Amino acid sequence: MEIQILTLDTIDDAAYLFDQYRQFYGKTSDLIGAKDFLISRLKQKQSHLLLAYIDTIPVGFAQLYPTFSSVAMKQAFILNDLFVSKEARKQGVAQALMEECYRYCKTNDARYITLETAHDNLSAQSLYKKMGMENEQTMLHFTKYW
């Protein structure tokens, strides 16, 4: 397995996986929109996207978005997207992507990495716990959607 940082040369691989990811969450396929979205994030340096390959085939990605901890006066990251294609699951791809995210955060002296997942996504929760993440019990998160 090889993990690469997204570049314009690998944008088509990422867009394909990103489109699959969105479909997993019930969205209609929009490969052009997925590509445009990722190109915009890349050009504006608004995210850090990692691609996983097995034998040159793109099989997964993780996307980190920067944020900040005012109290710690440090950068932090939201692991907003983590996806592994069906045919590559149970092969350590998600764990390898998370390990690379951890390395990136530590290298950038981040205060923390955080993520959210659905209550019923037990396999993801199991991985996150295995990777040393904890379910935050002291804070409540509130969201308003439009």
C-alpha atoms as a PDB file:
ATOM      1  CA  MET A   1       0.000   0.000   0.000  1.00  0.00           C
ATOM      2  CA  GLU A   2       1.174   3.498  -0.806  1.00  0.00           C
ATOM      3  CA  ILE A   3      -0.199   6.756   0.543  1.00  0.00           C
ATOM      4  CA  GLN A   4       0.248   9.958  -1.452  1.00  0.00           C
ATOM      5  CA  ILE A   5      -0.647  13.593  -0.927  1.00  0.00           C
ATOM      6  CA  LEU A   6      -3.219  14.891  -3.413  1.00  0.00           C
ATOM      7  CA  THR A   7      -1.807  16.785  -6.390  1.00  0.00           C
ATOM      8  CA  LEU A   8      -3.347  17.957  -9.635  1.00  0.00           C
ATOM      9  CA  ASP A   9      -1.840  14.816 -11.206  1.00  0.00           C
ATOM     10  CA  THR A  10      -3.893  12.571  -8.883  1.00  0.00           C
ATOM     11  CA  ILE A  11      -7.080  14.657  -8.831  1.00  0.00           C
ATOM     12  CA  ASP A  12      -9.023  12.207 -11.034  1.00  0.00           C
ATOM     13  CA  ASP A  13      -8.268   9.337  -8.639  1.00  0.00           C
ATOM     14  CA  ALA A  14      -9.410  11.437  -5.687  1.00  0.00           C
ATOM     15  CA  ALA A  15     -12.543  12.699  -7.468  1.00  0.00           C
ATOM     16  CA  TYR A  16     -13.610   9.128  -8.272  1.00  0.00           C
ATOM     17  CA  LEU A  17     -13.260   8.092  -4.616  1.00  0.00           C
ATOM     18  CA  PHE A  18     -14.845  11.323  -3.350  1.00  0.00           C
ATOM     19  CA  ASP A  19     -17.846  10.722  -5.624  1.00  0.00           C
ATOM     20  CA  GLN A  20     -18.189   7.181  -4.225  1.00  0.00           C
ATOM     21  CA  TYR A  21     -17.953   8.586  -0.694  1.00  0.00           C
ATOM     22  CA  ARG A  22     -20.757  11.062  -1.334  1.00  0.00           C
ATOM     23  CA  GLN A  23     -22.910   8.309  -2.825  1.00  0.00           C
ATOM     24  CA  PHE A  24     -22.284   6.238   0.319  1.00  0.00           C
ATOM     25  CA  TYR A  25     -23.979   9.093   2.200  1.00  0.00           C
ATOM     26  CA  GLY A  26     -26.961   9.114  -0.141  1.00  0.00           C
ATOM     27  CA  LYS A  27     -25.938  11.876  -2.527  1.00  0.00           C
ATOM     28  CA  THR A  28     -26.390  11.644  -6.292  1.00  0.00           C
ATOM     29  CA  SER A  29     -23.247  10.940  -8.289  1.00  0.00           C
ATOM     30  CA  ASP A  30     -21.565  14.138  -9.483  1.00  0.00           C
ATOM     31  CA  LEU A  31     -18.051  13.338 -10.653  1.00  0.00           C
ATOM     32  CA  ILE A  32     -17.518  16.771 -12.222  1.00  0.00           C
ATOM     33  CA  GLY A  33     -18.699  18.509  -9.047  1.00  0.00           C
ATOM     34  CA  ALA A  34     -16.482  16.261  -6.926  1.00  0.00           C
ATOM     35  CA  LYS A  35     -13.452  17.088  -9.056  1.00  0.00           C
ATOM     36  CA  ASP A  36     -14.190  20.829  -9.014  1.00  0.00           C
ATOM     37  CA  PHE A  37     -14.656  20.767  -5.240  1.00  0.00           C
ATOM     38  CA  LEU A  38     -11.333  18.991  -4.659  1.00  0.00           C
ATOM     39  CA  ILE A  39      -9.451  21.209  -7.111  1.00  0.00           C
ATOM     40  CA  SER A  40     -10.758  24.256  -5.270  1.00  0.00           C
ATOM     41  CA  ARG A  41      -9.669  22.875  -1.873  1.00  0.00           C
ATOM     42  CA  LEU A  42      -6.237  22.040  -3.285  1.00  0.00           C
ATOM     43  CA  LYS A  43      -5.629  25.362  -5.036  1.00  0.00           C
ATOM     44  CA  GLN A  44      -6.836  27.395  -2.060  1.00  0.00           C
ATOM     45  CA  LYS A  45      -4.849  25.204   0.362  1.00  0.00           C
ATOM     46  CA  GLN A  46      -7.994  24.632   2.410  1.00  0.00           C
ATOM     47  CA  SER A  47      -7.492  20.940   3.065  1.00  0.00           C
ATOM     48  CA  HIS A  48      -4.884  18.216   3.150  1.00  0.00           C
ATOM     49  CA  LEU A  49      -6.011  15.110   1.256  1.00  0.00           C
ATOM     50  CA  LEU A  50      -4.262  11.754   1.367  1.00  0.00           C
ATOM     51  CA  LEU A  51      -4.843   9.008  -1.190  1.00  0.00           C
ATOM     52  CA  ALA A  52      -4.240   5.308  -0.569  1.00  0.00           C
ATOM     53  CA  TYR A  53      -3.238   3.017  -3.421  1.00  0.00           C
ATOM     54  CA  ILE A  54      -2.920  -0.744  -3.625  1.00  0.00           C
ATOM     55  CA  ASP A  55      -0.997  -1.841  -6.725  1.00  0.00           C
ATOM     56  CA  THR A  56      -1.529   1.605  -8.354  1.00  0.00           C
ATOM     57  CA  ILE A  57      -5.320   1.385  -7.817  1.00  0.00           C
ATOM     58  CA  PRO A  58      -6.825   4.216  -5.733  1.00  0.00           C
ATOM     59  CA  VAL A  59      -8.700   2.584  -2.844  1.00  0.00           C
ATOM     60  CA  GLY A  60      -9.217   5.230  -0.177  1.00  0.00           C
ATOM     61  CA  PHE A  61      -8.711   8.762   1.013  1.00  0.00           C
ATOM     62  CA  ALA A  62      -8.686  10.935   4.105  1.00  0.00           C
ATOM     63  CA  GLN A  63      -9.251  14.674   4.098  1.00  0.00           C
ATOM     64  CA  LEU A  64      -8.147  16.996   6.891  1.00  0.00           C
ATOM     65  CA  TYR A  65      -9.468  20.523   7.288  1.00  0.00           C
ATOM     66  CA  PRO A  66      -7.497  23.018   9.374  1.00  0.00           C
ATOM     67  CA  THR A  67      -9.007  24.868  12.303  1.00  0.00           C
ATOM     68  CA  PHE A  68      -7.514  26.465  15.401  1.00  0.00           C
ATOM     69  CA  SER A  69      -7.514  26.121  19.156  1.00  0.00           C
ATOM     70  CA  SER A  70      -7.645  29.649  20.541  1.00  0.00           C
ATOM     71  CA  VAL A  71      -6.934  28.517  24.101  1.00  0.00           C
ATOM     72  CA  ALA A  72      -3.860  26.511  23.070  1.00  0.00           C
ATOM     73  CA  MET A  73      -2.950  29.060  20.365  1.00  0.00           C
ATOM     74  CA  LYS A  74      -2.259  26.222  17.954  1.00  0.00           C
ATOM     75  CA  GLN A  75      -3.589  24.805  14.743  1.00  0.00           C
ATOM     76  CA  ALA A  76      -5.854  21.755  14.912  1.00  0.00           C
ATOM     77  CA  PHE A  77      -7.422  19.504  12.296  1.00  0.00           C
ATOM     78  CA  ILE A  78     -10.819  18.027  11.559  1.00  0.00           C
ATOM     79  CA  LEU A  79     -10.677  14.603   9.948  1.00  0.00           C
ATOM     80  CA  ASN A  80     -13.771  15.358   7.932  1.00  0.00           C
ATOM     81  CA  ASP A  81     -13.636  12.568   5.368  1.00  0.00           C
ATOM     82  CA  LEU A  82     -12.335   9.017   5.548  1.00  0.00           C
ATOM     83  CA  PHE A  83     -13.375   6.526   2.896  1.00  0.00           C
ATOM     84  CA  VAL A  84     -12.217   3.121   1.675  1.00  0.00           C
ATOM     85  CA  SER A  85     -13.738   1.491  -1.398  1.00  0.00           C
ATOM     86  CA  LYS A  86     -15.759  -1.686  -0.773  1.00  0.00           C
ATOM     87  CA  GLU A  87     -13.247  -3.958  -2.453  1.00  0.00           C
ATOM     88  CA  ALA A  88     -10.375  -2.691  -0.269  1.00  0.00           C
ATOM     89  CA  ARG A  89     -12.028  -2.802   3.150  1.00  0.00           C
ATOM     90  CA  LYS A  90     -10.614  -4.959   5.946  1.00  0.00           C
ATOM     91  CA  GLN A  91      -7.091  -4.577   4.516  1.00  0.00           C
ATOM     92  CA  GLY A  92      -5.778  -1.887   6.872  1.00  0.00           C
ATOM     93  CA  VAL A  93      -6.336   1.009   4.468  1.00  0.00           C
ATOM     94  CA  ALA A  94      -8.347   3.165   6.892  1.00  0.00           C
ATOM     95  CA  GLN A  95      -5.838   2.590   9.679  1.00  0.00           C
ATOM     96  CA  ALA A  96      -2.912   3.468   7.387  1.00  0.00           C
ATOM     97  CA  LEU A  97      -4.673   6.667   6.303  1.00  0.00           C
ATOM     98  CA  MET A  98      -5.351   7.617   9.922  1.00  0.00           C
ATOM     99  CA  GLU A  99      -1.741   6.930  10.892  1.00  0.00           C
ATOM    100  CA  GLU A 100      -0.611   9.247   8.090  1.00  0.00           C
ATOM    101  CA  CYS A 101      -3.104  11.900   9.301  1.00  0.00           C
ATOM    102  CA  TYR A 102      -1.628  11.584  12.803  1.00  0.00           C
ATOM    103  CA  ARG A 103       1.898  12.025  11.399  1.00  0.00           C
ATOM    104  CA  TYR A 104       0.798  15.110   9.474  1.00  0.00           C
ATOM    105  CA  CYS A 105      -0.837  16.644  12.554  1.00  0.00           C
ATOM    106  CA  LYS A 106       2.191  15.963  14.759  1.00  0.00           C
ATOM    107  CA  THR A 107       4.559  17.337  12.121  1.00  0.00           C
ATOM    108  CA  ASN A 108       2.486  20.523  12.021  1.00  0.00           C
ATOM    109  CA  ASP A 109       2.438  20.783  15.838  1.00  0.00           C
ATOM    110  CA  ALA A 110      -1.347  20.495  15.920  1.00  0.00           C
ATOM    111  CA  ARG A 111      -3.177  20.707  19.239  1.00  0.00           C
ATOM    112  CA  TYR A 112      -5.566  17.921  18.261  1.00  0.00           C
ATOM    113  CA  ILE A 113      -7.313  15.986  15.534  1.00  0.00           C
ATOM    114  CA  THR A 114     -11.048  15.477  15.813  1.00  0.00           C
ATOM    115  CA  LEU A 115     -13.786  13.781  13.837  1.00  0.00           C
ATOM    116  CA  GLU A 116     -17.435  12.878  14.026  1.00  0.00           C
ATOM    117  CA  THR A 117     -19.236   9.727  13.037  1.00  0.00           C
ATOM    118  CA  ALA A 118     -22.755   8.373  13.134  1.00  0.00           C
ATOM    119  CA  HIS A 119     -23.984   6.616  16.277  1.00  0.00           C
ATOM    120  CA  ASP A 120     -24.627   3.449  14.270  1.00  0.00           C
ATOM    121  CA  ASN A 121     -21.252   3.372  12.465  1.00  0.00           C
ATOM    122  CA  LEU A 122     -19.833   0.804  14.863  1.00  0.00           C
ATOM    123  CA  SER A 123     -17.010  -0.412  12.623  1.00  0.00           C
ATOM    124  CA  ALA A 124     -15.661   3.142  12.309  1.00  0.00           C
ATOM    125  CA  GLN A 125     -16.016   3.690  16.051  1.00  0.00           C
ATOM    126  CA  SER A 126     -14.063   0.509  16.677  1.00  0.00           C
ATOM    127  CA  LEU A 127     -11.214   1.724  14.456  1.00  0.00           C
ATOM    128  CA  TYR A 128     -11.152   5.165  16.086  1.00  0.00           C
ATOM    129  CA  LYS A 129     -10.933   3.639  19.559  1.00  0.00           C
ATOM    130  CA  LYS A 130      -8.213   1.265  18.359  1.00  0.00           C
ATOM    131  CA  MET A 131      -6.308   4.306  17.048  1.00  0.00           C
ATOM    132  CA  GLY A 132      -6.390   5.926  20.504  1.00  0.00           C
ATOM    133  CA  MET A 133      -9.233   8.377  19.908  1.00  0.00           C
ATOM    134  CA  GLU A 134     -11.712   8.989  22.693  1.00  0.00           C
ATOM    135  CA  ASN A 135     -15.385   9.844  22.643  1.00  0.00           C
ATOM    136  CA  GLU A 136     -15.478  13.350  24.118  1.00  0.00           C
ATOM    137  CA  GLN A 137     -17.619  13.186  27.244  1.00  0.00           C
ATOM    138  CA  THR A 138     -16.997  16.640  28.698  1.00  0.00           C
ATOM    139  CA  MET A 139     -18.144  18.807  25.800  1.00  0.00           C
ATOM    140  CA  LEU A 140     -21.414  19.087  23.925  1.00  0.00           C
ATOM    141  CA  HIS A 141     -21.349  19.865  20.224  1.00  0.00           C
ATOM    142  CA  PHE A 142     -24.187  21.910  18.763  1.00  0.00           C
ATOM    143  CA  THR A 143     -24.828  22.348  15.052  1.00  0.00           C
ATOM    144  CA  LYS A 144     -27.201  24.408  12.947  1.00  0.00           C
ATOM    145  CA  TYR A 145     -27.701  23.222   9.387  1.00  0.00           C
ATOM    146  CA  TRP A 146     -28.984  25.212   6.419  1.00  0.00           C
END
